[in-house]
Amino acid sequence: MIDVTRDGDLWTIRINRPDKANSLTKEMLTTLADTFEAAKDARAVILTGEGKVFSAGADLEEARAGLAVDTVWERLSSAVAAVQGLTVAALNGTLAGGAMGMALACDLRIAVPTAKFFYPVMKLGFMPQPSDPVRMAKLIGPSRTKLILMGGQKITADEAFAFGLVDRLIAPEALMDEANAIVQDTLAAKPEIAMGIKELCRR
């Protein structure tokens, strides 16, 4: 349910459970974390989903059994953030719940115009993973972060773009071509250049 392809220094990681809106089980999350940890030295990584939804978040049955508060979510987002090359979340559809953490940890987020963004932790009675509000607030500010996390608001793709939550809106048929085009300069450059730019941007 997690497909990984490598083309030279480019890794493409695809969540492939479209019949369940790409909802994430503990096994899938562990595989994603393992994969991103293995890709730490990659020059570029593209993360996407199969079908019309990027990910609906935690598998509901497993969420009720404790997955919603499992530390694997934080392990995954930390592994994404630790990749030395350029990471791009190519959001093929709606991004919901804890799945937002791995997208927030990517360097860039591009999305289809029909995508929606929501993180209903207040409604479900859970705290978000610790790094998610921090990363979200850095991107869109504390007020808009509270609008999503505390207000429980579902944000459209246009709003997400205006907020700075996503960097570009791309037609579905061009999404992966755009993601691949974005990473080309990084793939062609010396690895230390990409690493140096990322470090400067963290300051």
Protein backbone atom coordinates (compact mmCIF):
# COMPACT_ATOMS: atom_id res chain seq x y z
CA MET A 1 0.00 0.00 0.00
CA ILE A 2 3.09 2.20 -0.06
CA ASP A 3 4.75 2.19 -3.48
CA VAL A 4 8.33 3.36 -3.82
CA THR A 5 10.18 3.98 -7.08
CA ARG A 6 13.70 5.28 -7.59
CA ASP A 7 15.04 6.98 -10.68
CA GLY A 8 18.65 7.74 -9.95
CA ASP A 9 18.70 10.18 -7.04
CA LEU A 10 14.94 10.82 -7.18
CA TRP A 11 12.60 8.85 -4.91
CA THR A 12 8.85 8.83 -5.54
CA ILE A 13 6.70 7.59 -2.66
CA ARG A 14 3.02 6.92 -3.32
CA ILE A 15 0.27 6.10 -0.82
CA ASN A 16 -1.77 3.45 -2.62
CA ARG A 17 -5.00 2.62 -0.81
CA PRO A 18 -7.52 4.55 -2.90
CA ASP A 19 -10.45 2.29 -1.99
CA LYS A 20 -10.09 3.59 1.60
CA ALA A 21 -9.29 7.21 0.67
CA ASN A 22 -5.62 6.42 1.34
CA SER A 23 -6.32 6.24 5.07
CA LEU A 24 -3.25 5.16 6.97
CA THR A 25 -2.75 2.07 9.08
CA LYS A 26 0.06 1.59 11.59
CA GLU A 27 1.78 -0.71 9.10
CA MET A 28 1.57 1.92 6.35
CA LEU A 29 2.87 4.66 8.65
CA THR A 30 5.76 2.48 9.75
CA THR A 31 6.61 1.72 6.12
CA LEU A 32 6.49 5.42 5.27
CA ALA A 33 8.77 6.26 8.21
CA ASP A 34 11.18 3.46 7.26
CA THR A 35 11.22 4.68 3.66
CA PHE A 36 11.88 8.31 4.50
CA GLU A 37 14.62 7.29 6.92
CA ALA A 38 16.20 5.24 4.13
CA ALA A 39 15.86 8.26 1.81
CA LYS A 40 17.65 10.65 4.19
CA ASP A 41 20.50 11.19 1.71
CA ALA A 42 18.25 11.41 -1.35
CA ARG A 43 18.69 14.39 -3.65
CA ALA A 44 14.90 14.71 -4.09
CA VAL A 45 11.75 12.97 -2.86
CA ILE A 46 8.21 13.36 -4.21
CA LEU A 47 5.37 12.22 -1.96
CA THR A 48 1.93 11.67 -3.50
CA GLY A 49 -1.18 9.52 -3.35
CA GLU A 50 -3.16 7.30 -5.68
CA GLY A 51 -6.67 8.30 -6.72
CA LYS A 52 -8.61 11.46 -5.86
CA VAL A 53 -7.65 11.80 -2.17
CA PHE A 54 -4.10 12.28 -0.90
CA SER A 55 -4.98 10.83 2.50
CA ALA A 56 -7.96 10.89 4.83
CA GLY A 57 -5.64 10.49 7.82
CA ALA A 58 -5.72 7.55 10.20
CA ASP A 59 -7.67 4.41 9.39
CA LEU A 60 -10.79 4.82 11.52
CA GLU A 61 -10.73 1.39 13.14
CA GLU A 62 -7.07 1.70 14.06
CA ALA A 63 -7.56 5.31 15.19
CA ARG A 64 -10.14 4.17 17.72
CA ALA A 65 -7.70 1.51 18.90
CA GLY A 66 -5.00 4.08 19.64
CA LEU A 67 -3.35 4.91 16.32
CA ALA A 68 -4.54 8.54 16.51
CA VAL A 69 -2.09 9.22 19.34
CA ASP A 70 0.68 6.82 18.31
CA THR A 71 4.23 8.20 18.19
CA VAL A 72 4.68 6.80 14.66
CA TRP A 73 3.15 10.02 13.25
CA GLU A 74 5.88 12.12 14.82
CA ARG A 75 8.54 9.63 13.76
CA LEU A 76 7.30 9.96 10.17
CA SER A 77 7.21 13.76 10.06
CA SER A 78 10.66 13.90 11.65
CA ALA A 79 11.99 11.52 8.99
CA VAL A 80 10.50 13.66 6.22
CA ALA A 81 12.04 16.82 7.67
CA ALA A 82 15.45 15.12 7.94
CA VAL A 83 15.76 14.38 4.21
CA GLN A 84 18.78 16.31 2.95
CA GLY A 85 17.45 16.94 -0.57
CA LEU A 86 14.29 18.69 -1.79
CA THR A 87 11.01 17.14 -0.66
CA VAL A 88 7.78 17.88 -2.54
CA ALA A 89 4.30 16.83 -1.45
CA ALA A 90 2.28 16.46 -4.66
CA LEU A 91 -1.21 16.53 -3.17
CA ASN A 92 -3.50 14.75 -5.60
CA GLY A 93 -6.56 15.50 -3.48
CA THR A 94 -7.84 16.20 0.00
CA LEU A 95 -5.41 16.11 2.92
CA ALA A 96 -6.93 15.40 6.31
CA GLY A 97 -6.05 14.73 9.92
CA GLY A 98 -2.70 13.37 10.95
CA ALA A 99 -1.67 12.88 7.33
CA MET A 100 -1.09 16.64 7.27
CA GLY A 101 2.05 16.17 9.34
CA MET A 102 4.13 14.56 6.61
CA ALA A 103 3.02 17.18 4.08
CA LEU A 104 3.86 20.01 6.48
CA ALA A 105 7.32 18.48 6.94
CA CYS A 106 8.01 18.58 3.19
CA ASP A 107 9.87 21.54 1.73
CA LEU A 108 7.13 22.29 -0.80
CA ARG A 109 3.46 21.45 -1.26
CA ILE A 110 1.63 21.57 -4.59
CA ALA A 111 -2.01 20.59 -4.86
CA VAL A 112 -4.88 20.05 -7.27
CA PRO A 113 -7.55 22.79 -7.21
CA THR A 114 -10.21 20.44 -5.78
CA ALA A 115 -8.20 19.54 -2.67
CA LYS A 116 -9.50 20.40 0.77
CA PHE A 117 -7.52 20.63 4.00
CA PHE A 118 -8.78 19.88 7.49
CA TYR A 119 -7.45 18.52 10.77
CA PRO A 120 -10.42 17.76 13.11
CA VAL A 121 -8.55 17.06 16.33
CA MET A 122 -10.87 19.19 18.48
CA LYS A 123 -13.93 17.35 17.20
CA LEU A 124 -12.31 13.95 17.73
CA GLY A 125 -10.88 14.80 21.14
CA PHE A 126 -7.20 14.29 20.32
CA MET A 127 -4.14 16.51 20.50
CA PRO A 128 -2.28 16.94 17.22
CA GLN A 129 1.22 15.57 16.99
CA PRO A 130 3.59 18.09 18.66
CA SER A 131 5.43 19.28 15.55
CA ASP A 132 2.32 19.78 13.39
CA PRO A 133 1.06 23.07 14.93
CA VAL A 134 4.62 24.40 15.01
CA ARG A 135 5.21 23.73 11.32
CA MET A 136 1.75 24.94 10.35
CA ALA A 137 2.12 28.18 12.29
CA LYS A 138 5.47 28.87 10.61
CA LEU A 139 3.76 28.53 7.23
CA ILE A 140 0.45 30.29 7.78
CA GLY A 141 0.69 32.05 11.16
CA PRO A 142 -0.83 31.20 14.54
CA SER A 143 -4.32 32.58 13.88
CA ARG A 144 -4.92 30.55 10.74
CA THR A 145 -3.42 27.51 12.45
CA LYS A 146 -6.00 27.90 15.21
CA LEU A 147 -8.70 28.34 12.59
CA ILE A 148 -7.86 24.86 11.26
CA LEU A 149 -6.97 23.06 14.48
CA MET A 150 -9.28 24.73 17.00
CA GLY A 151 -12.00 26.06 14.73
CA GLY A 152 -12.15 22.79 12.82
CA GLN A 153 -12.50 24.62 9.53
CA LYS A 154 -12.22 22.85 6.20
CA ILE A 155 -9.97 24.96 3.96
CA THR A 156 -10.34 25.00 0.19
CA ALA A 157 -7.36 24.78 -2.14
CA ASP A 158 -7.73 28.46 -3.03
CA GLU A 159 -7.69 29.41 0.65
CA ALA A 160 -4.74 27.10 1.30
CA PHE A 161 -2.83 28.79 -1.51
CA ALA A 162 -3.71 32.26 -0.23
CA PHE A 163 -2.67 31.26 3.31
CA GLY A 164 0.67 29.81 2.13
CA LEU A 165 -0.21 26.28 3.14
CA VAL A 166 0.38 25.16 -0.45
CA ASP A 167 2.79 26.75 -2.89
CA ARG A 168 1.07 26.11 -6.23
CA LEU A 169 -2.25 24.83 -7.55
CA ILE A 170 -1.82 22.48 -10.48
CA ALA A 171 -4.31 20.67 -12.73
CA PRO A 172 -4.54 16.96 -11.82
CA GLU A 173 -3.15 15.75 -15.15
CA ALA A 174 -0.05 17.96 -14.73
CA LEU A 175 0.60 17.42 -11.01
CA MET A 176 3.40 14.86 -11.24
CA ASP A 177 4.99 16.56 -14.25
CA GLU A 178 5.14 19.77 -12.19
CA ALA A 179 6.60 17.96 -9.18
CA ASN A 180 9.26 16.37 -11.35
CA ALA A 181 10.07 19.70 -13.00
CA ILE A 182 10.49 21.40 -9.63
CA VAL A 183 13.14 18.95 -8.43
CA GLN A 184 15.30 19.01 -11.59
CA ASP A 185 17.65 21.83 -10.53
CA THR A 186 18.24 20.15 -7.18
CA LEU A 187 18.94 16.81 -8.86
CA ALA A 188 21.46 18.48 -11.17
CA ALA A 189 23.26 20.44 -8.44
CA LYS A 190 25.89 19.30 -5.98
CA PRO A 191 24.24 17.80 -2.86
CA GLU A 192 26.01 20.24 -0.56
CA ILE A 193 24.33 23.16 -2.33
CA ALA A 194 20.85 21.83 -1.57
CA MET A 195 21.84 21.01 1.99
CA GLY A 196 23.33 24.48 2.42
CA ILE A 197 20.20 26.23 1.16
CA LYS A 198 17.97 24.17 3.44
CA GLU A 199 20.15 25.01 6.41
CA LEU A 200 20.07 28.73 5.59
CA CYS A 201 16.27 28.60 5.34
CA ARG A 202 16.05 27.08 8.84
CA ARG A 203 17.79 30.08 10.44
